[in-house]
Amino acid sequence: MTEVRTRRSAAETREQVLAVTADLFYWQGIRATGIDKVAAAAGVAPTTLYRLFASKDDLVRAYLERAEEGYLEWLEEAAGAAGAPADRVVGVFEALLRVTDPADFRGCPFLMALAEFPDPAHPAHVQAMRTKATVRARLRRLVDELAVPDPDQLADQLSLVMEGIYAAVPAHGDRGPAGQAPAVARALIAAQARP
């Protein structure tokens, strides 16, 4: 009996490669994962992969762009719940704890990319920095709804708490220091709200 292969479109193949890439790069590291490994896991020839992505740097950039898109969608959903502005901000940290379960979480993919590509001119570094700036700007917009005296300071403080979750969960689990993030966010908001 012969196996019947279904042909995928270039767009479907690209999505398959990016899905496999996301898993491999996240769990095994970007530099540690070669193109041949990605191609084999995606079930495509390396030449097909290079037709879709001109270089590994292009694949890394596409991986980070896709991760950013998903992350920003998640952030909008986490912050979009109805309620008082302070509850919306704290809700982001509560939601973040739910998606950083140690069983499924190795760390922030953007921080990991920054660690693997410290050269500020590298496309992966540039993309990861752009994502971090976009997230900080979104936190700033949430803070604007609070009408606090120093919104930039509060947005920076909340960004620091967010980054702390990414560092604390792999090291201590979600019941360790990271579990305090919603209470810390609420305390920071309350401190700014005092006259």
Protein backbone atom coordinates (compact mmCIF):
# COMPACT_ATOMS: atom_id res chain seq x y z
CA MET A 1 0.00 0.00 0.00
CA THR A 2 1.46 3.36 -0.99
CA GLU A 3 1.23 6.39 1.21
CA VAL A 4 -0.72 9.27 -0.25
CA ARG A 5 0.81 12.65 0.50
CA THR A 6 -1.27 15.73 0.46
CA ARG A 7 0.36 18.81 -0.93
CA ARG A 8 0.38 21.92 1.20
CA SER A 9 0.35 25.42 -0.14
CA ALA A 10 3.39 27.62 0.49
CA ALA A 11 1.41 29.48 3.18
CA GLU A 12 0.44 26.20 4.90
CA THR A 13 4.02 24.96 4.72
CA ARG A 14 5.28 28.25 6.16
CA GLU A 15 2.82 27.96 9.07
CA GLN A 16 3.89 24.35 9.68
CA VAL A 17 7.56 25.39 9.72
CA LEU A 18 6.84 28.29 12.09
CA ALA A 19 4.84 26.06 14.46
CA VAL A 20 7.69 23.54 14.62
CA THR A 21 10.25 26.33 14.91
CA ALA A 22 8.39 27.88 17.84
CA ASP A 23 8.53 24.61 19.73
CA LEU A 24 12.17 23.83 18.92
CA PHE A 25 13.53 27.33 19.45
CA TYR A 26 11.63 27.80 22.69
CA TRP A 27 12.50 24.46 24.30
CA GLN A 28 15.94 23.77 22.81
CA GLY A 29 17.31 27.22 22.10
CA ILE A 30 17.67 29.19 18.90
CA ARG A 31 21.39 28.74 18.37
CA ALA A 32 21.25 25.07 19.40
CA THR A 33 18.59 24.30 16.78
CA GLY A 34 19.89 23.94 13.26
CA ILE A 35 17.99 24.41 10.03
CA ASP A 36 18.24 20.69 9.22
CA LYS A 37 16.54 19.86 12.52
CA VAL A 38 13.74 22.34 11.84
CA ALA A 39 13.26 21.00 8.31
CA ALA A 40 13.16 17.38 9.50
CA ALA A 41 10.69 18.15 12.30
CA ALA A 42 8.48 20.11 9.89
CA GLY A 43 8.62 17.34 7.30
CA VAL A 44 10.10 19.54 4.58
CA ALA A 45 13.36 19.52 2.69
CA PRO A 46 15.97 22.10 3.72
CA THR A 47 15.69 23.59 0.22
CA THR A 48 11.96 24.14 0.80
CA LEU A 49 12.72 25.83 4.09
CA TYR A 50 15.24 28.12 2.40
CA ARG A 51 12.66 29.01 -0.26
CA LEU A 52 10.38 30.19 2.56
CA PHE A 53 13.10 31.85 4.66
CA ALA A 54 16.26 33.14 2.99
CA SER A 55 18.42 32.43 6.05
CA LYS A 56 18.25 31.21 9.61
CA ASP A 57 18.19 34.86 10.69
CA ASP A 58 15.02 35.32 8.60
CA LEU A 59 13.49 32.27 10.28
CA VAL A 60 14.43 33.59 13.73
CA ARG A 61 12.92 36.98 12.93
CA ALA A 62 9.69 35.33 11.69
CA TYR A 63 9.57 33.17 14.83
CA LEU A 64 9.91 36.24 17.07
CA GLU A 65 7.37 38.24 15.04
CA ARG A 66 4.87 35.39 15.35
CA ALA A 67 5.57 35.10 19.08
CA GLU A 68 5.06 38.86 19.45
CA GLU A 69 1.75 38.72 17.62
CA GLY A 70 0.47 35.97 19.90
CA TYR A 71 1.79 37.69 23.01
CA LEU A 72 0.19 41.03 22.18
CA GLU A 73 -3.14 39.32 21.46
CA TRP A 74 -2.89 37.62 24.85
CA LEU A 75 -2.00 40.93 26.54
CA GLU A 76 -4.98 42.72 24.99
CA GLU A 77 -7.27 39.94 26.17
CA ALA A 78 -5.74 39.90 29.66
CA ALA A 79 -6.09 43.68 29.99
CA GLY A 80 -9.42 43.91 28.23
CA ALA A 81 -11.62 42.44 30.93
CA ALA A 82 -14.29 44.78 32.19
CA GLY A 83 -13.72 46.40 35.52
CA ALA A 84 -12.00 49.26 37.24
CA PRO A 85 -8.69 50.36 35.70
CA ALA A 86 -6.68 49.08 38.68
CA ASP A 87 -8.38 45.69 38.38
CA ARG A 88 -7.51 45.57 34.68
CA VAL A 89 -3.84 46.18 35.45
CA VAL A 90 -3.76 43.60 38.23
CA GLY A 91 -5.65 41.21 35.94
CA VAL A 92 -2.68 41.21 33.56
CA PHE A 93 -0.46 39.86 36.33
CA GLU A 94 -3.03 37.29 37.40
CA ALA A 95 -3.33 36.14 33.79
CA LEU A 96 0.44 36.04 33.42
CA LEU A 97 0.71 33.68 36.38
CA ARG A 98 -1.81 31.37 34.70
CA VAL A 99 0.25 31.13 31.49
CA THR A 100 3.60 30.67 33.20
CA ASP A 101 2.90 27.28 34.72
CA PRO A 102 6.38 25.79 35.31
CA ALA A 103 5.40 22.57 33.51
CA ASP A 104 4.87 24.49 30.26
CA PHE A 105 7.10 27.51 30.75
CA ARG A 106 10.83 27.82 30.15
CA GLY A 107 10.98 31.60 30.24
CA CYS A 108 10.14 34.64 28.18
CA PRO A 109 11.04 33.89 24.54
CA PHE A 110 12.05 37.50 23.99
CA LEU A 111 14.40 37.56 26.98
CA MET A 112 15.85 34.25 25.83
CA ALA A 113 16.44 35.73 22.37
CA LEU A 114 18.16 38.76 23.92
CA ALA A 115 20.42 36.40 25.89
CA GLU A 116 21.28 34.37 22.79
CA PHE A 117 21.82 37.42 20.57
CA PRO A 118 23.45 40.17 22.68
CA ASP A 119 24.58 42.14 19.61
CA PRO A 120 22.15 45.11 19.48
CA ALA A 121 22.36 45.12 15.67
CA HIS A 122 21.31 41.47 15.25
CA PRO A 123 17.78 41.16 13.82
CA ALA A 124 16.70 38.83 16.66
CA HIS A 125 17.90 41.34 19.25
CA VAL A 126 16.17 44.21 17.45
CA GLN A 127 12.90 42.26 17.22
CA ALA A 128 12.98 41.21 20.89
CA MET A 129 13.71 44.77 22.00
CA ARG A 130 10.84 46.03 19.86
CA THR A 131 8.48 43.56 21.53
CA LYS A 132 9.61 44.59 25.01
CA ALA A 133 9.10 48.28 24.12
CA THR A 134 5.63 47.52 22.74
CA VAL A 135 4.63 45.68 25.92
CA ARG A 136 5.93 48.51 28.10
CA ALA A 137 3.95 51.00 25.99
CA ARG A 138 0.81 48.90 26.45
CA LEU A 139 1.34 48.89 30.22
CA ARG A 140 1.76 52.67 30.02
CA ARG A 141 -1.60 52.99 28.26
CA LEU A 142 -3.22 50.90 31.00
CA VAL A 143 -1.60 53.12 33.63
CA ASP A 144 -2.98 56.21 31.87
CA GLU A 145 -6.46 55.01 32.81
CA LEU A 146 -5.48 55.24 36.50
CA ALA A 147 -4.78 58.99 36.42
CA VAL A 148 -1.74 58.68 38.70
CA PRO A 149 0.78 61.52 39.18
CA ASP A 150 3.74 59.72 37.56
CA PRO A 151 2.45 57.25 34.96
CA ASP A 152 5.90 56.63 33.45
CA GLN A 153 7.29 55.62 36.82
CA LEU A 154 4.38 53.26 37.50
CA ALA A 155 4.63 51.72 34.02
CA ASP A 156 8.34 51.10 34.61
CA GLN A 157 7.64 49.54 38.00
CA LEU A 158 4.97 47.28 36.54
CA SER A 159 7.32 46.31 33.70
CA LEU A 160 9.88 45.32 36.30
CA VAL A 161 7.31 43.15 38.10
CA MET A 162 6.42 41.51 34.79
CA GLU A 163 10.06 40.75 34.01
CA GLY A 164 10.43 39.43 37.56
CA ILE A 165 7.72 36.85 36.90
CA TYR A 166 9.65 35.61 33.88
CA ALA A 167 12.79 35.16 35.96
CA ALA A 168 11.15 33.83 39.13
CA VAL A 169 8.90 31.12 37.70
CA PRO A 170 11.69 28.97 36.17
CA ALA A 171 13.79 29.40 39.32
CA HIS A 172 11.16 29.12 42.06
CA GLY A 173 7.93 27.94 40.46
CA ASP A 174 4.66 29.82 40.26
CA ARG A 175 4.01 29.54 43.99
CA GLY A 176 7.30 31.23 44.88
CA PRO A 177 8.05 34.94 44.54
CA ALA A 178 6.17 35.21 41.23
CA GLY A 179 2.92 34.46 43.02
CA GLN A 180 3.24 37.83 44.76
CA ALA A 181 3.11 39.78 41.48
CA PRO A 182 -0.61 40.71 41.56
CA ALA A 183 -0.32 41.97 45.16
CA VAL A 184 2.85 43.91 44.28
CA ALA A 185 1.11 45.49 41.28
CA ARG A 186 -1.85 46.49 43.45
CA ALA A 187 0.51 47.96 46.10
CA LEU A 188 2.38 49.97 43.47
CA ILE A 189 -0.89 51.35 42.12
CA ALA A 190 -2.08 52.22 45.63
CA ALA A 191 1.21 53.95 46.45
CA GLN A 192 0.87 56.18 43.37
CA ALA A 193 -2.78 56.91 44.12
CA ARG A 194 -2.03 58.33 47.57
CA PRO A 195 -2.12 62.17 47.76
